[in-house]
């Protein structure tokens, strides 16, 4: 018997309702990215913050940027409030160079279409798992496999 834990997406009813009402040309892509993020770790939850679906463990760490043109943009950050983070805390392993750093405490990932999402799926899960180690150290230690 395996000791692996499988993440079960914990969809929030208010986020589901928001997305049902959302009129956006990239809605299928947004839904696919949401599923990947929620499946990346069992401690990840979601709610609407900054008028968009946002993801959290003990702190918020990623939010959709729904005004982006020609792509779906996800902004990674270190919580809802600015923090004075030491430089060594800002290293997030990103071997596939998925992250585009916007500031010392923020990065974005862009997805053009479903094919692009599929190609970045594994890398996105890895970045999510690494990122939450910085915002919620207790959540980052769990190893979740088998959730695609």
Protein backbone atom coordinates (compact mmCIF):
# COMPACT_ATOMS: atom_id res chain seq x y z
CA UNK A 1 0.00 0.00 0.00
CA UNK A 2 1.31 3.44 -0.94
CA UNK A 3 1.72 6.29 1.55
CA UNK A 4 1.04 8.90 -1.14
CA UNK A 5 -1.74 11.41 -0.55
CA UNK A 6 -3.94 12.51 -3.39
CA UNK A 7 -5.22 16.07 -3.37
CA UNK A 8 -8.95 16.49 -3.65
CA UNK A 9 -9.83 19.88 -5.10
CA UNK A 10 -11.63 21.98 -2.49
CA UNK A 11 -13.81 24.19 -4.63
CA UNK A 12 -15.41 27.13 -2.86
CA UNK A 13 -19.09 27.75 -3.65
CA UNK A 14 -18.63 31.52 -3.99
CA UNK A 15 -15.78 31.01 -6.48
CA UNK A 16 -17.84 28.50 -8.43
CA UNK A 17 -20.75 30.97 -8.58
CA UNK A 18 -18.39 33.80 -9.61
CA UNK A 19 -16.98 31.66 -12.43
CA UNK A 20 -20.44 30.55 -13.58
CA UNK A 21 -21.35 34.24 -14.02
CA UNK A 22 -17.99 35.19 -15.51
CA UNK A 23 -18.14 36.37 -19.13
CA UNK A 24 -14.54 35.91 -20.26
CA UNK A 25 -13.12 34.69 -23.58
CA UNK A 26 -10.66 32.40 -21.74
CA UNK A 27 -13.14 30.89 -19.28
CA UNK A 28 -12.28 27.25 -20.19
CA UNK A 29 -8.60 28.00 -19.59
CA UNK A 30 -9.36 29.69 -16.27
CA UNK A 31 -11.34 26.64 -15.14
CA UNK A 32 -8.52 24.30 -16.19
CA UNK A 33 -5.89 26.32 -14.31
CA UNK A 34 -8.13 26.47 -11.24
CA UNK A 35 -8.38 22.68 -11.23
CA UNK A 36 -4.60 22.27 -11.53
CA UNK A 37 -3.92 24.66 -8.65
CA UNK A 38 -6.53 23.15 -6.33
CA UNK A 39 -5.17 19.69 -7.11
CA UNK A 40 -1.56 20.64 -6.40
CA UNK A 41 -1.82 20.38 -2.62
CA UNK A 42 -4.56 19.35 -0.15
CA UNK A 43 -4.17 22.54 1.94
CA UNK A 44 -5.03 24.89 -0.94
CA UNK A 45 -8.33 26.70 -0.72
CA UNK A 46 -9.84 29.50 -2.75
CA UNK A 47 -12.02 32.57 -2.48
CA UNK A 48 -12.72 35.77 -4.35
CA UNK A 49 -10.15 38.44 -3.53
CA UNK A 50 -9.40 41.53 -5.62
CA UNK A 51 -12.47 40.66 -7.73
CA UNK A 52 -10.92 37.44 -9.02
CA UNK A 53 -10.43 33.83 -7.93
CA UNK A 54 -7.53 33.71 -5.46
CA UNK A 55 -5.79 30.76 -3.88
CA UNK A 56 -4.50 30.37 -0.33
CA UNK A 57 -3.14 28.12 2.33
CA UNK A 58 -2.68 30.14 5.53
CA UNK A 59 -2.13 33.22 3.30
CA UNK A 60 -3.16 34.09 -0.23
CA UNK A 61 -0.45 33.21 -2.73
CA UNK A 62 -1.95 33.40 -6.24
CA UNK A 63 -4.67 35.40 -7.97
CA UNK A 64 -6.00 35.43 -11.50
CA UNK A 65 -5.47 38.70 -13.39
CA UNK A 66 -8.69 38.68 -15.40
CA UNK A 67 -7.93 41.89 -17.32
CA UNK A 68 -4.93 40.44 -19.16
CA UNK A 69 -5.32 40.54 -22.93
CA UNK A 70 -4.57 37.59 -25.21
CA UNK A 71 -3.75 35.21 -22.36
CA UNK A 72 -4.74 34.07 -18.90
CA UNK A 73 -2.42 35.54 -16.31
CA UNK A 74 -1.86 34.20 -12.82
CA UNK A 75 -0.09 36.42 -10.31
CA UNK A 76 1.90 34.73 -7.55
CA UNK A 77 2.44 36.83 -4.42
CA UNK A 78 3.36 36.43 -0.77
CA UNK A 79 0.02 37.10 0.91
CA UNK A 80 -2.55 39.83 0.96
CA UNK A 81 -0.32 42.26 2.84
CA UNK A 82 3.14 43.42 1.83
CA UNK A 83 5.87 41.74 3.82
CA UNK A 84 9.48 42.59 4.40
CA UNK A 85 10.86 39.31 3.08
CA UNK A 86 14.56 38.51 3.33
CA UNK A 87 16.21 37.93 -0.06
CA UNK A 88 16.86 34.24 0.68
CA UNK A 89 13.10 33.67 1.22
CA UNK A 90 12.35 34.80 -2.31
CA UNK A 91 14.02 31.90 -4.08
CA UNK A 92 11.33 29.72 -5.60
CA UNK A 93 12.66 26.75 -7.57
CA UNK A 94 11.47 27.14 -11.16
CA UNK A 95 13.58 24.82 -13.37
CA UNK A 96 11.34 25.41 -16.41
CA UNK A 97 11.43 29.23 -16.05
CA UNK A 98 7.67 29.48 -15.81
CA UNK A 99 7.77 32.54 -13.55
CA UNK A 100 8.19 36.08 -14.86
CA UNK A 101 9.23 38.19 -11.87
CA UNK A 102 7.34 41.50 -11.61
CA UNK A 103 8.89 42.63 -8.32
CA UNK A 104 10.86 41.04 -5.50
CA UNK A 105 7.64 39.65 -4.04
CA UNK A 106 5.51 39.00 -7.15
CA UNK A 107 5.71 36.91 -10.29
CA UNK A 108 3.33 36.05 -13.11
CA UNK A 109 2.68 33.06 -15.32
CA UNK A 110 0.86 33.43 -18.63
CA UNK A 111 -1.11 30.80 -20.50
CA UNK A 112 -2.07 31.31 -24.15
CA UNK A 113 -4.52 28.44 -24.61
CA UNK A 114 -5.40 24.90 -23.49
CA UNK A 115 -2.39 23.45 -25.31
CA UNK A 116 -0.11 25.84 -23.43
CA UNK A 117 -1.80 24.91 -20.13
CA UNK A 118 -1.29 21.23 -20.87
CA UNK A 119 2.39 21.81 -21.65
CA UNK A 120 2.89 23.79 -18.41
CA UNK A 121 0.74 21.60 -16.14
CA UNK A 122 3.56 19.79 -14.33
CA UNK A 123 5.70 22.92 -14.03
CA UNK A 124 2.73 24.90 -12.64
CA UNK A 125 2.07 22.27 -9.98
CA UNK A 126 5.74 22.36 -9.03
CA UNK A 127 5.80 26.15 -8.75
CA UNK A 128 2.60 26.14 -6.66
CA UNK A 129 4.06 23.57 -4.26
CA UNK A 130 7.31 25.49 -3.95
CA UNK A 131 5.59 28.88 -3.60
CA UNK A 132 3.35 27.76 -0.74
CA UNK A 133 6.44 26.70 1.21
CA UNK A 134 7.13 30.45 1.56
CA UNK A 135 3.63 31.57 2.51
CA UNK A 136 2.69 28.55 4.59
CA UNK A 137 5.74 26.51 5.65
CA UNK A 138 3.60 23.85 7.33
CA UNK A 139 1.72 23.17 4.08
CA UNK A 140 4.77 22.98 1.86
CA UNK A 141 6.08 19.73 3.31
CA UNK A 142 3.33 17.41 2.10
CA UNK A 143 4.14 15.37 -0.95
CA UNK A 144 1.13 15.00 -3.18
CA UNK A 145 1.27 12.72 -6.17
CA UNK A 146 -1.21 11.36 -8.63
CA UNK A 147 -3.33 14.51 -8.85
CA UNK A 148 -3.41 15.73 -12.39
